[in-house]
Amino acid sequence: MYHGSFDIGPIPQHKLWYLKNHKVWLSCGKDLNMNSFNFSEKKKLTLKNPFKIHSDEVVDVIEIEDPEPAIITCGLDKKICIYSLMK
């Protein structure tokens, strides 16, 4: 079953992750932006190098729930970053 597609722009995206708790797909590329895709609502959100933390490509993303909801990224810049999702 085909659910649709999104135009991600001119920058190649090198990896795609599914964040189960947020029910979104996330991609990253050489432009340092994070693209979030929600296929069920047909929405795309581009975060322009959202926190200016990584200075090179993000190569992995995971989400955790304990001790609090967060997303952890690691990049070619040798950084591991934790983004708290608490309001």
Protein backbone atom coordinates (compact mmCIF):
# COMPACT_ATOMS: atom_id res chain seq x y z
CA MET A 1 0.00 0.00 0.00
CA TYR A 2 1.42 3.38 -1.04
CA HIS A 3 0.88 6.21 1.48
CA GLY A 4 2.37 9.18 -0.36
CA SER A 5 5.64 11.05 -0.62
CA PHE A 6 7.30 14.31 0.42
CA ASP A 7 9.71 16.52 -1.51
CA ILE A 8 12.74 16.84 0.75
CA GLY A 9 14.50 19.47 -1.36
CA PRO A 10 17.86 19.56 -3.11
CA ILE A 11 20.02 18.23 -0.25
CA PRO A 12 20.38 14.41 -0.15
CA GLN A 13 19.15 12.84 3.06
CA HIS A 14 21.45 10.04 4.15
CA LYS A 15 19.36 8.32 6.80
CA LEU A 16 15.78 7.95 7.96
CA TRP A 17 14.56 7.10 11.48
CA TYR A 18 11.13 6.34 12.86
CA LEU A 19 10.41 7.85 16.29
CA LYS A 20 7.78 5.47 17.60
CA ASN A 21 6.70 7.55 20.60
CA HIS A 22 6.17 10.65 18.45
CA LYS A 23 4.80 8.73 15.46
CA VAL A 24 6.99 10.66 13.00
CA TRP A 25 9.79 9.91 10.57
CA LEU A 26 12.97 12.00 10.87
CA SER A 27 15.67 12.51 8.23
CA CYS A 28 18.95 14.44 8.29
CA GLY A 29 21.40 15.51 5.60
CA LYS A 30 24.51 17.54 4.88
CA ASP A 31 22.59 20.82 5.35
CA LEU A 32 22.35 20.00 9.12
CA ASN A 33 18.56 20.36 9.06
CA MET A 34 16.21 17.79 10.56
CA ASN A 35 13.11 16.92 8.53
CA SER A 36 10.13 15.46 10.34
CA PHE A 37 7.44 13.64 8.34
CA ASN A 38 4.01 12.61 9.59
CA PHE A 39 2.51 10.52 6.80
CA SER A 40 -0.85 9.97 8.48
CA GLU A 41 -1.44 13.75 8.71
CA LYS A 42 0.51 14.47 5.49
CA LYS A 43 2.70 17.06 7.25
CA LYS A 44 6.38 17.89 6.84
CA LEU A 45 8.36 20.07 9.24
CA THR A 46 11.93 21.22 8.53
CA LEU A 47 13.96 22.32 11.52
CA LYS A 48 16.76 24.54 10.19
CA ASN A 49 19.79 23.24 12.13
CA PRO A 50 17.44 23.37 15.08
CA PHE A 51 19.74 24.05 17.96
CA LYS A 52 23.01 25.02 16.20
CA ILE A 53 24.68 22.26 18.21
CA HIS A 54 25.93 19.89 15.52
CA SER A 55 28.52 21.31 13.13
CA ASP A 56 28.54 18.23 10.89
CA GLU A 57 26.05 15.59 9.75
CA VAL A 58 23.87 13.73 12.23
CA VAL A 59 24.44 10.00 11.75
CA ASP A 60 22.08 8.49 14.32
CA VAL A 61 18.98 9.42 16.31
CA ILE A 62 17.26 7.56 19.15
CA GLU A 63 14.48 8.49 21.51
CA ILE A 64 14.32 7.62 25.20
CA GLU A 65 11.59 7.82 27.83
CA ASP A 66 13.58 7.36 31.05
CA PRO A 67 14.43 9.41 33.07
CA GLU A 68 12.42 11.84 30.88
CA PRO A 69 11.35 11.97 27.21
CA ALA A 70 14.29 12.99 25.02
CA ILE A 71 15.88 12.59 21.61
CA ILE A 72 19.59 11.78 21.42
CA THR A 73 21.62 12.52 18.30
CA CYS A 74 25.23 11.78 17.40
CA GLY A 75 27.13 13.36 14.55
CA LEU A 76 30.31 13.31 12.52
CA ASP A 77 31.39 16.31 14.61
CA LYS A 78 32.04 13.80 17.44
CA LYS A 79 29.18 15.16 19.57
CA ILE A 80 26.35 13.34 21.28
CA CYS A 81 23.44 15.71 21.99
CA ILE A 82 20.41 15.20 24.19
CA TYR A 83 17.26 17.21 23.43
CA SER A 84 14.75 17.27 26.28
CA LEU A 85 11.15 16.97 25.16
CA MET A 86 9.69 18.12 28.48
CA LYS A 87 7.61 21.29 28.24
